[in-house]
């Protein structure tokens, strides 16, 4: 039994470099998807803004209805809902809110 465990441990140790590479690629793909979703959100919000009058009220309206805007974008771009969930989107979500509250949508981009 000890030999079997030892062989299993050696097998696991030999696959560690391969697993590390796969993990790094998966992390890179996850970050690329987050960037894409973030860009889609910012672009959509900027396009929803009026060009001349009522920017402040429209911006506040969009911020208050952000969940509906996310649902609209999910349907429009066929993006899974998990990319808009707070657990998956945590860091980018916080960055997005900081951008939304700190500046005007017309300055973003």
PDB file of N, CA and C in Angstrom:
ATOM      1  N   UNK A   1       0.823  -1.188   0.000  1.00  0.00           N
ATOM      2  CA  UNK A   1       0.000   0.000   0.000  1.00  0.00           C
ATOM      3  C   UNK A   1       0.875   1.263   0.000  1.00  0.00           C
ATOM      4  N   UNK A   2       1.942   1.230   0.774  1.00  0.00           N
ATOM      5  CA  UNK A   2       2.837   2.380   0.828  1.00  0.00           C
ATOM      6  C   UNK A   2       3.450   2.667  -0.533  1.00  0.00           C
ATOM      7  N   UNK A   3       3.801   1.603  -1.276  1.00  0.00           N
ATOM      8  CA  UNK A   3       4.380   1.782  -2.610  1.00  0.00           C
ATOM      9  C   UNK A   3       3.372   2.419  -3.572  1.00  0.00           C
ATOM     10  N   UNK A   4       2.123   2.031  -3.442  1.00  0.00           N
ATOM     11  CA  UNK A   4       1.085   2.601  -4.304  1.00  0.00           C
ATOM     12  C   UNK A   4       0.908   4.093  -4.016  1.00  0.00           C
ATOM     13  N   UNK A   5       0.911   4.457  -2.739  1.00  0.00           N
ATOM     14  CA  UNK A   5       0.806   5.866  -2.368  1.00  0.00           C
ATOM     15  C   UNK A   5       2.013   6.656  -2.845  1.00  0.00           C
ATOM     16  N   UNK A   6       3.184   6.040  -2.740  1.00  0.00           N
ATOM     17  CA  UNK A   6       4.403   6.698  -3.188  1.00  0.00           C
ATOM     18  C   UNK A   6       4.373   6.925  -4.700  1.00  0.00           C
ATOM     19  N   UNK A   7       3.938   5.909  -5.431  1.00  0.00           N
ATOM     20  CA  UNK A   7       3.839   6.039  -6.882  1.00  0.00           C
ATOM     21  C   UNK A   7       2.818   7.111  -7.269  1.00  0.00           C
ATOM     22  N   UNK A   8       1.705   7.146  -6.538  1.00  0.00           N
ATOM     23  CA  UNK A   8       0.678   8.150  -6.801  1.00  0.00           C
ATOM     24  C   UNK A   8       1.206   9.559  -6.522  1.00  0.00           C
ATOM     25  N   UNK A   9       1.944   9.711  -5.421  1.00  0.00           N
ATOM     26  CA  UNK A   9       2.535  11.001  -5.084  1.00  0.00           C
ATOM     27  C   UNK A   9       3.547  11.434  -6.135  1.00  0.00           C
ATOM     28  N   UNK A  10       4.391  10.517  -6.591  1.00  0.00           N
ATOM     29  CA  UNK A  10       5.372  10.839  -7.626  1.00  0.00           C
ATOM     30  C   UNK A  10       4.688  11.224  -8.935  1.00  0.00           C
ATOM     31  N   UNK A  11       3.602  10.544  -9.248  1.00  0.00           N
ATOM     32  CA  UNK A  11       2.823  10.884 -10.448  1.00  0.00           C
ATOM     33  C   UNK A  11       2.254  12.299 -10.336  1.00  0.00           C
ATOM     34  N   UNK A  12       1.706  12.633  -9.164  1.00  0.00           N
ATOM     35  CA  UNK A  12       1.171  13.984  -8.940  1.00  0.00           C
ATOM     36  C   UNK A  12       2.262  15.037  -9.035  1.00  0.00           C
ATOM     37  N   UNK A  13       3.431  14.741  -8.471  1.00  0.00           N
ATOM     38  CA  UNK A  13       4.548  15.688  -8.529  1.00  0.00           C
ATOM     39  C   UNK A  13       5.045  15.889  -9.953  1.00  0.00           C
ATOM     40  N   UNK A  14       5.002  14.849 -10.758  1.00  0.00           N
ATOM     41  CA  UNK A  14       5.475  14.982 -12.138  1.00  0.00           C
ATOM     42  C   UNK A  14       4.518  15.796 -13.003  1.00  0.00           C
ATOM     43  N   UNK A  15       3.251  15.836 -12.644  1.00  0.00           N
ATOM     44  CA  UNK A  15       2.272  16.604 -13.433  1.00  0.00           C
ATOM     45  C   UNK A  15       2.119  18.042 -12.946  1.00  0.00           C
ATOM     46  N   UNK A  16       2.775  18.414 -11.862  1.00  0.00           N
ATOM     47  CA  UNK A  16       2.658  19.781 -11.345  1.00  0.00           C
ATOM     48  C   UNK A  16       3.037  20.857 -12.359  1.00  0.00           C
ATOM     49  N   UNK A  17       4.166  20.756 -13.062  1.00  0.00           N
ATOM     50  CA  UNK A  17       4.486  21.809 -14.039  1.00  0.00           C
ATOM     51  C   UNK A  17       3.411  21.954 -15.121  1.00  0.00           C
ATOM     52  N   UNK A  18       2.851  20.834 -15.572  1.00  0.00           N
ATOM     53  CA  UNK A  18       1.796  20.892 -16.591  1.00  0.00           C
ATOM     54  C   UNK A  18       0.551  21.556 -16.029  1.00  0.00           C
ATOM     55  N   UNK A  19       0.191  21.208 -14.803  1.00  0.00           N
ATOM     56  CA  UNK A  19      -0.994  21.801 -14.184  1.00  0.00           C
ATOM     57  C   UNK A  19      -0.814  23.289 -13.945  1.00  0.00           C
ATOM     58  N   UNK A  20       0.391  23.708 -13.621  1.00  0.00           N
ATOM     59  CA  UNK A  20       0.665  25.128 -13.412  1.00  0.00           C
ATOM     60  C   UNK A  20       0.457  25.928 -14.680  1.00  0.00           C
ATOM     61  N   UNK A  21       0.885  25.390 -15.793  1.00  0.00           N
ATOM     62  CA  UNK A  21       0.713  26.060 -17.080  1.00  0.00           C
ATOM     63  C   UNK A  21      -0.765  26.159 -17.442  1.00  0.00           C
ATOM     64  N   UNK A  22      -1.475  25.079 -17.232  1.00  0.00           N
ATOM     65  CA  UNK A  22      -2.917  25.073 -17.522  1.00  0.00           C
ATOM     66  C   UNK A  22      -3.633  26.088 -16.642  1.00  0.00           C
ATOM     67  N   UNK A  23      -3.253  26.148 -15.372  1.00  0.00           N
ATOM     68  CA  UNK A  23      -3.874  27.099 -14.445  1.00  0.00           C
ATOM     69  C   UNK A  23      -3.602  28.531 -14.895  1.00  0.00           C
ATOM     70  N   UNK A  24      -2.377  28.812 -15.342  1.00  0.00           N
ATOM     71  CA  UNK A  24      -2.040  30.156 -15.801  1.00  0.00           C
ATOM     72  C   UNK A  24      -2.833  30.533 -17.048  1.00  0.00           C
ATOM     73  N   UNK A  25      -2.990  29.582 -17.968  1.00  0.00           N
ATOM     74  CA  UNK A  25      -3.775  29.850 -19.181  1.00  0.00           C
ATOM     75  C   UNK A  25      -5.235  30.103 -18.817  1.00  0.00           C
ATOM     76  N   UNK A  26      -5.781  29.299 -17.909  1.00  0.00           N
ATOM     77  CA  UNK A  26      -7.169  29.488 -17.484  1.00  0.00           C
ATOM     78  C   UNK A  26      -7.367  30.845 -16.813  1.00  0.00           C
ATOM     79  N   UNK A  27      -6.403  31.263 -16.015  1.00  0.00           N
ATOM     80  CA  UNK A  27      -6.485  32.572 -15.361  1.00  0.00           C
ATOM     81  C   UNK A  27      -6.424  33.702 -16.391  1.00  0.00           C
ATOM     82  N   UNK A  28      -5.579  33.540 -17.396  1.00  0.00           N
ATOM     83  CA  UNK A  28      -5.475  34.539 -18.454  1.00  0.00           C
ATOM     84  C   UNK A  28      -6.783  34.640 -19.245  1.00  0.00           C
ATOM     85  N   UNK A  29      -7.406  33.511 -19.540  1.00  0.00           N
ATOM     86  CA  UNK A  29      -8.683  33.498 -20.257  1.00  0.00           C
ATOM     87  C   UNK A  29      -9.765  34.177 -19.417  1.00  0.00           C
ATOM     88  N   UNK A  30      -9.769  33.884 -18.124  1.00  0.00           N
ATOM     89  CA  UNK A  30     -10.757  34.498 -17.231  1.00  0.00           C
ATOM     90  C   UNK A  30     -10.595  36.017 -17.201  1.00  0.00           C
ATOM     91  N   UNK A  31      -9.362  36.486 -17.117  1.00  0.00           N
ATOM     92  CA  UNK A  31      -9.117  37.924 -17.093  1.00  0.00           C
ATOM     93  C   UNK A  31      -9.490  38.577 -18.428  1.00  0.00           C
ATOM     94  N   UNK A  32      -9.226  37.893 -19.526  1.00  0.00           N
ATOM     95  CA  UNK A  32      -9.586  38.434 -20.847  1.00  0.00           C
ATOM     96  C   UNK A  32     -11.103  38.556 -20.973  1.00  0.00           C
ATOM     97  N   UNK A  33     -11.835  37.584 -20.469  1.00  0.00           N
ATOM     98  CA  UNK A  33     -13.297  37.662 -20.506  1.00  0.00           C
ATOM     99  C   UNK A  33     -13.809  38.819 -19.663  1.00  0.00           C
ATOM    100  N   UNK A  34     -13.183  39.026 -18.491  1.00  0.00           N
ATOM    101  CA  UNK A  34     -13.589  40.149 -17.649  1.00  0.00           C
ATOM    102  C   UNK A  34     -13.335  41.485 -18.337  1.00  0.00           C
ATOM    103  N   UNK A  35     -12.217  41.594 -19.014  1.00  0.00           N
ATOM    104  CA  UNK A  35     -11.904  42.830 -19.742  1.00  0.00           C
ATOM    105  C   UNK A  35     -12.934  43.070 -20.834  1.00  0.00           C
ATOM    106  N   UNK A  36     -13.301  42.010 -21.547  1.00  0.00           N
ATOM    107  CA  UNK A  36     -14.294  42.139 -22.618  1.00  0.00           C
ATOM    108  C   UNK A  36     -15.643  42.607 -22.059  1.00  0.00           C
ATOM    109  N   UNK A  37     -16.081  41.995 -20.972  1.00  0.00           N
ATOM    110  CA  UNK A  37     -17.361  42.366 -20.368  1.00  0.00           C
ATOM    111  C   UNK A  37     -17.300  43.800 -19.848  1.00  0.00           C
ATOM    112  N   UNK A  38     -16.192  44.159 -19.229  1.00  0.00           N
ATOM    113  CA  UNK A  38     -16.037  45.522 -18.718  1.00  0.00           C
ATOM    114  C   UNK A  38     -16.103  46.533 -19.860  1.00  0.00           C
ATOM    115  N   UNK A  39     -15.442  46.238 -20.965  1.00  0.00           N
ATOM    116  CA  UNK A  39     -15.463  47.137 -22.124  1.00  0.00           C
ATOM    117  C   UNK A  39     -16.868  47.255 -22.702  1.00  0.00           C
ATOM    118  N   UNK A  40     -17.596  46.154 -22.755  1.00  0.00           N
ATOM    119  CA  UNK A  40     -18.967  46.168 -23.262  1.00  0.00           C
ATOM    120  C   UNK A  40     -19.845  47.048 -22.374  1.00  0.00           C
ATOM    121  N   UNK A  41     -19.687  46.916 -21.055  1.00  0.00           N
ATOM    122  CA  UNK A  41     -20.498  47.693 -20.120  1.00  0.00           C
ATOM    123  C   UNK A  41     -20.206  49.187 -20.273  1.00  0.00           C
ATOM    124  N   UNK A  42     -18.943  49.550 -20.267  1.00  0.00           N
ATOM    125  CA  UNK A  42     -18.571  50.959 -20.369  1.00  0.00           C
ATOM    126  C   UNK A  42     -19.044  51.548 -21.704  1.00  0.00           C
ATOM    127  N   UNK A  43     -18.864  50.805 -22.775  1.00  0.00           N
ATOM    128  CA  UNK A  43     -19.291  51.274 -24.091  1.00  0.00           C
ATOM    129  C   UNK A  43     -20.807  51.474 -24.133  1.00  0.00           C
ATOM    130  N   UNK A  44     -21.545  50.516 -23.579  1.00  0.00           N
ATOM    131  CA  UNK A  44     -23.003  50.611 -23.568  1.00  0.00           C
ATOM    132  C   UNK A  44     -23.470  51.821 -22.765  1.00  0.00           C
ATOM    133  N   UNK A  45     -22.890  52.002 -21.587  1.00  0.00           N
ATOM    134  CA  UNK A  45     -23.299  53.130 -20.745  1.00  0.00           C
ATOM    135  C   UNK A  45     -22.980  54.460 -21.411  1.00  0.00           C
ATOM    136  N   UNK A  46     -21.845  54.523 -22.054  1.00  0.00           N
ATOM    137  CA  UNK A  46     -21.473  55.766 -22.739  1.00  0.00           C
ATOM    138  C   UNK A  46     -22.421  56.036 -23.906  1.00  0.00           C
ATOM    139  N   UNK A  47     -22.818  55.003 -24.631  1.00  0.00           N
ATOM    140  CA  UNK A  47     -23.740  55.171 -25.762  1.00  0.00           C
ATOM    141  C   UNK A  47     -25.153  55.529 -25.320  1.00  0.00           C
ATOM    142  N   UNK A  48     -25.515  55.167 -24.104  1.00  0.00           N
ATOM    143  CA  UNK A  48     -26.850  55.480 -23.585  1.00  0.00           C
ATOM    144  C   UNK A  48     -26.983  56.935 -23.139  1.00  0.00           C
ATOM    145  N   UNK A  49     -25.870  57.605 -22.972  1.00  0.00           N
ATOM    146  CA  UNK A  49     -25.896  58.982 -22.491  1.00  0.00           C
ATOM    147  C   UNK A  49     -26.356  59.930 -23.595  1.00  0.00           C
ATOM    148  N   UNK A  50     -27.143  60.949 -23.231  1.00  0.00           N
ATOM    149  CA  UNK A  50     -27.532  61.959 -24.226  1.00  0.00           C
ATOM    150  C   UNK A  50     -26.322  62.804 -24.611  1.00  0.00           C
ATOM    151  N   UNK A  51     -26.369  63.358 -25.800  1.00  0.00           N
ATOM    152  CA  UNK A  51     -25.205  64.101 -26.283  1.00  0.00           C
ATOM    153  C   UNK A  51     -25.128  65.524 -25.723  1.00  0.00           C
ATOM    154  N   UNK A  52     -26.263  66.112 -25.377  1.00  0.00           N
ATOM    155  CA  UNK A  52     -26.209  67.516 -24.967  1.00  0.00           C
ATOM    156  C   UNK A  52     -26.798  67.753 -23.575  1.00  0.00           C
ATOM    157  N   UNK A  53     -28.111  67.560 -23.415  1.00  0.00           N
ATOM    158  CA  UNK A  53     -28.795  67.941 -22.180  1.00  0.00           C
ATOM    159  C   UNK A  53     -29.180  66.725 -21.344  1.00  0.00           C
ATOM    160  N   UNK A  54     -29.222  66.897 -20.022  1.00  0.00           N
ATOM    161  CA  UNK A  54     -29.710  65.865 -19.113  1.00  0.00           C
ATOM    162  C   UNK A  54     -28.720  64.768 -18.805  1.00  0.00           C
ATOM    163  N   UNK A  55     -27.450  65.056 -18.908  1.00  0.00           N
ATOM    164  CA  UNK A  55     -26.438  64.028 -18.681  1.00  0.00           C
ATOM    165  C   UNK A  55     -26.414  63.541 -17.235  1.00  0.00           C
ATOM    166  N   UNK A  56     -26.526  64.458 -16.295  1.00  0.00           N
ATOM    167  CA  UNK A  56     -26.466  64.098 -14.875  1.00  0.00           C
ATOM    168  C   UNK A  56     -27.609  63.190 -14.458  1.00  0.00           C
ATOM    169  N   UNK A  57     -28.818  63.543 -14.881  1.00  0.00           N
ATOM    170  CA  UNK A  57     -29.975  62.726 -14.502  1.00  0.00           C
ATOM    171  C   UNK A  57     -29.940  61.372 -15.202  1.00  0.00           C
ATOM    172  N   UNK A  58     -29.527  61.346 -16.466  1.00  0.00           N
ATOM    173  CA  UNK A  58     -29.441  60.078 -17.194  1.00  0.00           C
ATOM    174  C   UNK A  58     -28.362  59.186 -16.587  1.00  0.00           C
ATOM    175  N   UNK A  59     -27.240  59.774 -16.181  1.00  0.00           N
ATOM    176  CA  UNK A  59     -26.176  58.991 -15.560  1.00  0.00           C
ATOM    177  C   UNK A  59     -26.679  58.360 -14.262  1.00  0.00           C
ATOM    178  N   UNK A  60     -27.371  59.134 -13.433  1.00  0.00           N
ATOM    179  CA  UNK A  60     -27.896  58.604 -12.178  1.00  0.00           C
ATOM    180  C   UNK A  60     -28.948  57.535 -12.448  1.00  0.00           C
ATOM    181  N   UNK A  61     -29.754  57.743 -13.480  1.00  0.00           N
ATOM    182  CA  UNK A  61     -30.772  56.761 -13.860  1.00  0.00           C
ATOM    183  C   UNK A  61     -30.118  55.440 -14.285  1.00  0.00           C
ATOM    184  N   UNK A  62     -29.049  55.527 -15.051  1.00  0.00           N
ATOM    185  CA  UNK A  62     -28.341  54.325 -15.483  1.00  0.00           C
ATOM    186  C   UNK A  62     -27.669  53.612 -14.314  1.00  0.00           C
ATOM    187  N   UNK A  63     -27.103  54.370 -13.402  1.00  0.00           N
ATOM    188  CA  UNK A  63     -26.459  53.762 -12.225  1.00  0.00           C
ATOM    189  C   UNK A  63     -27.498  53.057 -11.365  1.00  0.00           C
ATOM    190  N   UNK A  64     -28.643  53.697 -11.162  1.00  0.00           N
ATOM    191  CA  UNK A  64     -29.706  53.081 -10.354  1.00  0.00           C
ATOM    192  C   UNK A  64     -30.286  51.844 -11.027  1.00  0.00           C
ATOM    193  N   UNK A  65     -30.311  51.821 -12.356  1.00  0.00           N
ATOM    194  CA  UNK A  65     -30.858  50.684 -13.085  1.00  0.00           C
ATOM    195  C   UNK A  65     -29.781  49.794 -13.676  1.00  0.00           C
ATOM    196  N   UNK A  66     -28.639  49.713 -13.004  1.00  0.00           N
ATOM    197  CA  UNK A  66     -27.512  48.949 -13.537  1.00  0.00           C
ATOM    198  C   UNK A  66     -27.842  47.468 -13.708  1.00  0.00           C
ATOM    199  N   UNK A  67     -28.646  46.914 -12.806  1.00  0.00           N
ATOM    200  CA  UNK A  67     -29.017  45.502 -12.924  1.00  0.00           C
ATOM    201  C   UNK A  67     -29.804  45.252 -14.209  1.00  0.00           C
ATOM    202  N   UNK A  68     -30.709  46.168 -14.552  1.00  0.00           N
ATOM    203  CA  UNK A  68     -31.475  46.023 -15.788  1.00  0.00           C
ATOM    204  C   UNK A  68     -30.574  46.178 -17.010  1.00  0.00           C
ATOM    205  N   UNK A  69     -29.618  47.086 -16.910  1.00  0.00           N
ATOM    206  CA  UNK A  69     -28.674  47.265 -18.024  1.00  0.00           C
ATOM    207  C   UNK A  69     -27.828  46.005 -18.205  1.00  0.00           C
ATOM    208  N   UNK A  70     -27.417  45.385 -17.100  1.00  0.00           N
ATOM    209  CA  UNK A  70     -26.653  44.138 -17.178  1.00  0.00           C
ATOM    210  C   UNK A  70     -27.487  43.055 -17.856  1.00  0.00           C
ATOM    211  N   UNK A  71     -28.769  42.961 -17.491  1.00  0.00           N
ATOM    212  CA  UNK A  71     -29.649  41.961 -18.101  1.00  0.00           C
ATOM    213  C   UNK A  71     -29.788  42.223 -19.597  1.00  0.00           C
ATOM    214  N   UNK A  72     -29.923  43.485 -19.959  1.00  0.00           N
ATOM    215  CA  UNK A  72     -30.034  43.860 -21.370  1.00  0.00           C
ATOM    216  C   UNK A  72     -28.769  43.448 -22.128  1.00  0.00           C
ATOM    217  N   UNK A  73     -27.610  43.705 -21.535  1.00  0.00           N
ATOM    218  CA  UNK A  73     -26.344  43.349 -22.182  1.00  0.00           C
ATOM    219  C   UNK A  73     -26.158  41.834 -22.275  1.00  0.00           C
ATOM    220  N   UNK A  74     -26.621  41.113 -21.260  1.00  0.00           N
ATOM    221  CA  UNK A  74     -26.543  39.644 -21.300  1.00  0.00           C
ATOM    222  C   UNK A  74     -27.297  39.106 -22.504  1.00  0.00           C
ATOM    223  N   UNK A  75     -28.489  39.632 -22.720  1.00  0.00           N
ATOM    224  CA  UNK A  75     -29.294  39.181 -23.855  1.00  0.00           C
ATOM    225  C   UNK A  75     -28.707  39.650 -25.181  1.00  0.00           C
ATOM    226  N   UNK A  76     -28.265  40.895 -25.229  1.00  0.00           N
ATOM    227  CA  UNK A  76     -27.779  41.484 -26.470  1.00  0.00           C
ATOM    228  C   UNK A  76     -26.512  40.788 -26.972  1.00  0.00           C
ATOM    229  N   UNK A  77     -25.584  40.513 -26.060  1.00  0.00           N
ATOM    230  CA  UNK A  77     -24.298  39.939 -26.455  1.00  0.00           C
ATOM    231  C   UNK A  77     -24.171  38.449 -26.132  1.00  0.00           C
ATOM    232  N   UNK A  78     -25.257  37.849 -25.607  1.00  0.00           N
ATOM    233  CA  UNK A  78     -25.277  36.434 -25.241  1.00  0.00           C
ATOM    234  C   UNK A  78     -24.119  36.079 -24.295  1.00  0.00           C
ATOM    235  N   UNK A  79     -23.990  36.898 -23.252  1.00  0.00           N
ATOM    236  CA  UNK A  79     -22.966  36.702 -22.233  1.00  0.00           C
ATOM    237  C   UNK A  79     -23.610  35.975 -21.058  1.00  0.00           C
ATOM    238  N   UNK A  80     -22.986  34.907 -20.557  1.00  0.00           N
ATOM    239  CA  UNK A  80     -23.553  34.204 -19.401  1.00  0.00           C
ATOM    240  C   UNK A  80     -23.681  35.125 -18.185  1.00  0.00           C
ATOM    241  N   UNK A  81     -24.700  34.891 -17.396  1.00  0.00           N
ATOM    242  CA  UNK A  81     -24.987  35.735 -16.236  1.00  0.00           C
ATOM    243  C   UNK A  81     -23.854  35.696 -15.212  1.00  0.00           C
ATOM    244  N   UNK A  82     -23.073  34.637 -15.204  1.00  0.00           N
ATOM    245  CA  UNK A  82     -21.996  34.509 -14.207  1.00  0.00           C
ATOM    246  C   UNK A  82     -20.981  35.644 -14.346  1.00  0.00           C
ATOM    247  N   UNK A  83     -20.815  36.213 -15.531  1.00  0.00           N
ATOM    248  CA  UNK A  83     -19.859  37.301 -15.716  1.00  0.00           C
ATOM    249  C   UNK A  83     -20.345  38.600 -15.102  1.00  0.00           C
ATOM    250  N   UNK A  84     -21.622  38.679 -14.791  1.00  0.00           N
ATOM    251  CA  UNK A  84     -22.167  39.875 -14.170  1.00  0.00           C
ATOM    252  C   UNK A  84     -22.414  39.674 -12.680  1.00  0.00           C
ATOM    253  N   UNK A  85     -22.143  38.480 -12.167  1.00  0.00           N
ATOM    254  CA  UNK A  85     -22.361  38.240 -10.748  1.00  0.00           C
ATOM    255  C   UNK A  85     -21.260  38.902  -9.937  1.00  0.00           C
ATOM    256  N   UNK A  86     -21.588  39.295  -8.738  1.00  0.00           N
ATOM    257  CA  UNK A  86     -20.635  40.007  -7.892  1.00  0.00           C
ATOM    258  C   UNK A  86     -19.447  39.131  -7.525  1.00  0.00           C
ATOM    259  N   UNK A  87     -19.664  37.817  -7.328  1.00  0.00           N
ATOM    260  CA  UNK A  87     -18.558  36.953  -6.940  1.00  0.00           C
ATOM    261  C   UNK A  87     -17.518  36.829  -8.050  1.00  0.00           C
ATOM    262  N   UNK A  88     -17.945  36.725  -9.293  1.00  0.00           N
ATOM    263  CA  UNK A  88     -17.003  36.565 -10.405  1.00  0.00           C
ATOM    264  C   UNK A  88     -16.429  37.898 -10.853  1.00  0.00           C
ATOM    265  N   UNK A  89     -17.214  38.936 -10.727  1.00  0.00           N
ATOM    266  CA  UNK A  89     -16.912  40.236 -11.301  1.00  0.00           C
ATOM    267  C   UNK A  89     -16.421  41.214 -10.232  1.00  0.00           C
ATOM    268  N   UNK A  90     -16.002  40.706  -9.063  1.00  0.00           N
ATOM    269  CA  UNK A  90     -15.782  41.528  -7.875  1.00  0.00           C
ATOM    270  C   UNK A  90     -14.835  42.698  -8.109  1.00  0.00           C
ATOM    271  N   UNK A  91     -13.613  42.451  -8.548  1.00  0.00           N
ATOM    272  CA  UNK A  91     -12.640  43.528  -8.659  1.00  0.00           C
ATOM    273  C   UNK A  91     -13.030  44.506  -9.769  1.00  0.00           C
ATOM    274  N   UNK A  92     -13.409  43.980 -10.899  1.00  0.00           N
ATOM    275  CA  UNK A  92     -13.793  44.837 -12.003  1.00  0.00           C
ATOM    276  C   UNK A  92     -15.085  45.595 -11.669  1.00  0.00           C
ATOM    277  N   UNK A  93     -15.976  44.960 -10.929  1.00  0.00           N
ATOM    278  CA  UNK A  93     -17.235  45.567 -10.522  1.00  0.00           C
ATOM    279  C   UNK A  93     -16.966  46.780  -9.639  1.00  0.00           C
ATOM    280  N   UNK A  94     -16.059  46.616  -8.662  1.00  0.00           N
ATOM    281  CA  UNK A  94     -15.712  47.741  -7.788  1.00  0.00           C
ATOM    282  C   UNK A  94     -15.063  48.865  -8.578  1.00  0.00           C
ATOM    283  N   UNK A  95     -14.198  48.503  -9.530  1.00  0.00           N
ATOM    284  CA  UNK A  95     -13.550  49.498 -10.363  1.00  0.00           C
ATOM    285  C   UNK A  95     -14.595  50.236 -11.201  1.00  0.00           C
ATOM    286  N   UNK A  96     -15.569  49.497 -11.719  1.00  0.00           N
ATOM    287  CA  UNK A  96     -16.636  50.090 -12.519  1.00  0.00           C
ATOM    288  C   UNK A  96     -17.431  51.100 -11.702  1.00  0.00           C
ATOM    289  N   UNK A  97     -17.824  50.733 -10.486  1.00  0.00           N
ATOM    290  CA  UNK A  97     -18.585  51.652  -9.650  1.00  0.00           C
ATOM    291  C   UNK A  97     -17.768  52.887  -9.303  1.00  0.00           C
ATOM    292  N   UNK A  98     -16.488  52.717  -9.042  1.00  0.00           N
ATOM    293  CA  UNK A  98     -15.642  53.886  -8.766  1.00  0.00           C
ATOM    294  C   UNK A  98     -15.613  54.812  -9.977  1.00  0.00           C
ATOM    295  N   UNK A  99     -15.521  54.244 -11.179  1.00  0.00           N
ATOM    296  CA  UNK A  99     -15.538  55.059 -12.394  1.00  0.00           C
ATOM    297  C   UNK A  99     -16.875  55.773 -12.553  1.00  0.00           C
ATOM    298  N   UNK A 100     -17.967  55.044 -12.287  1.00  0.00           N
ATOM    299  CA  UNK A 100     -19.297  55.605 -12.501  1.00  0.00           C
ATOM    300  C   UNK A 100     -19.577  56.771 -11.561  1.00  0.00           C
ATOM    301  N   UNK A 101     -19.187  56.632 -10.308  1.00  0.00           N
ATOM    302  CA  UNK A 101     -19.501  57.668  -9.334  1.00  0.00           C
ATOM    303  C   UNK A 101     -18.501  58.813  -9.346  1.00  0.00           C
ATOM    304  N   UNK A 102     -17.299  58.562  -9.833  1.00  0.00           N
ATOM    305  CA  UNK A 102     -16.281  59.605  -9.747  1.00  0.00           C
ATOM    306  C   UNK A 102     -16.243  60.532 -10.954  1.00  0.00           C
ATOM    307  N   UNK A 103     -16.817  60.110 -12.071  1.00  0.00           N
ATOM    308  CA  UNK A 103     -16.720  60.964 -13.255  1.00  0.00           C
ATOM    309  C   UNK A 103     -17.974  60.862 -14.105  1.00  0.00           C
ATOM    310  N   UNK A 104     -17.991  61.645 -15.118  1.00  0.00           N
ATOM    311  CA  UNK A 104     -19.094  61.649 -16.069  1.00  0.00           C
ATOM    312  C   UNK A 104     -18.857  60.553 -17.113  1.00  0.00           C
ATOM    313  N   UNK A 105     -19.925  59.931 -17.594  1.00  0.00           N
ATOM    314  CA  UNK A 105     -19.804  58.886 -18.600  1.00  0.00           C
ATOM    315  C   UNK A 105     -19.165  59.421 -19.878  1.00  0.00           C
ATOM    316  N   UNK A 106     -19.375  60.695 -20.151  1.00  0.00           N
ATOM    317  CA  UNK A 106     -18.838  61.246 -21.385  1.00  0.00           C
ATOM    318  C   UNK A 106     -17.314  61.331 -21.349  1.00  0.00           C
ATOM    319  N   UNK A 107     -16.737  61.304 -20.152  1.00  0.00           N
ATOM    320  CA  UNK A 107     -15.280  61.359 -20.028  1.00  0.00           C
ATOM    321  C   UNK A 107     -14.638  59.980 -20.060  1.00  0.00           C
ATOM    322  N   UNK A 108     -15.446  58.928 -19.892  1.00  0.00           N
ATOM    323  CA  UNK A 108     -14.932  57.558 -19.872  1.00  0.00           C
ATOM    324  C   UNK A 108     -14.674  57.117 -21.308  1.00  0.00           C
ATOM    325  N   UNK A 109     -13.586  56.431 -21.492  1.00  0.00           N
ATOM    326  CA  UNK A 109     -13.340  55.857 -22.810  1.00  0.00           C
ATOM    327  C   UNK A 109     -12.161  56.471 -23.437  1.00  0.00           C
TER     328      UNK A 109
END
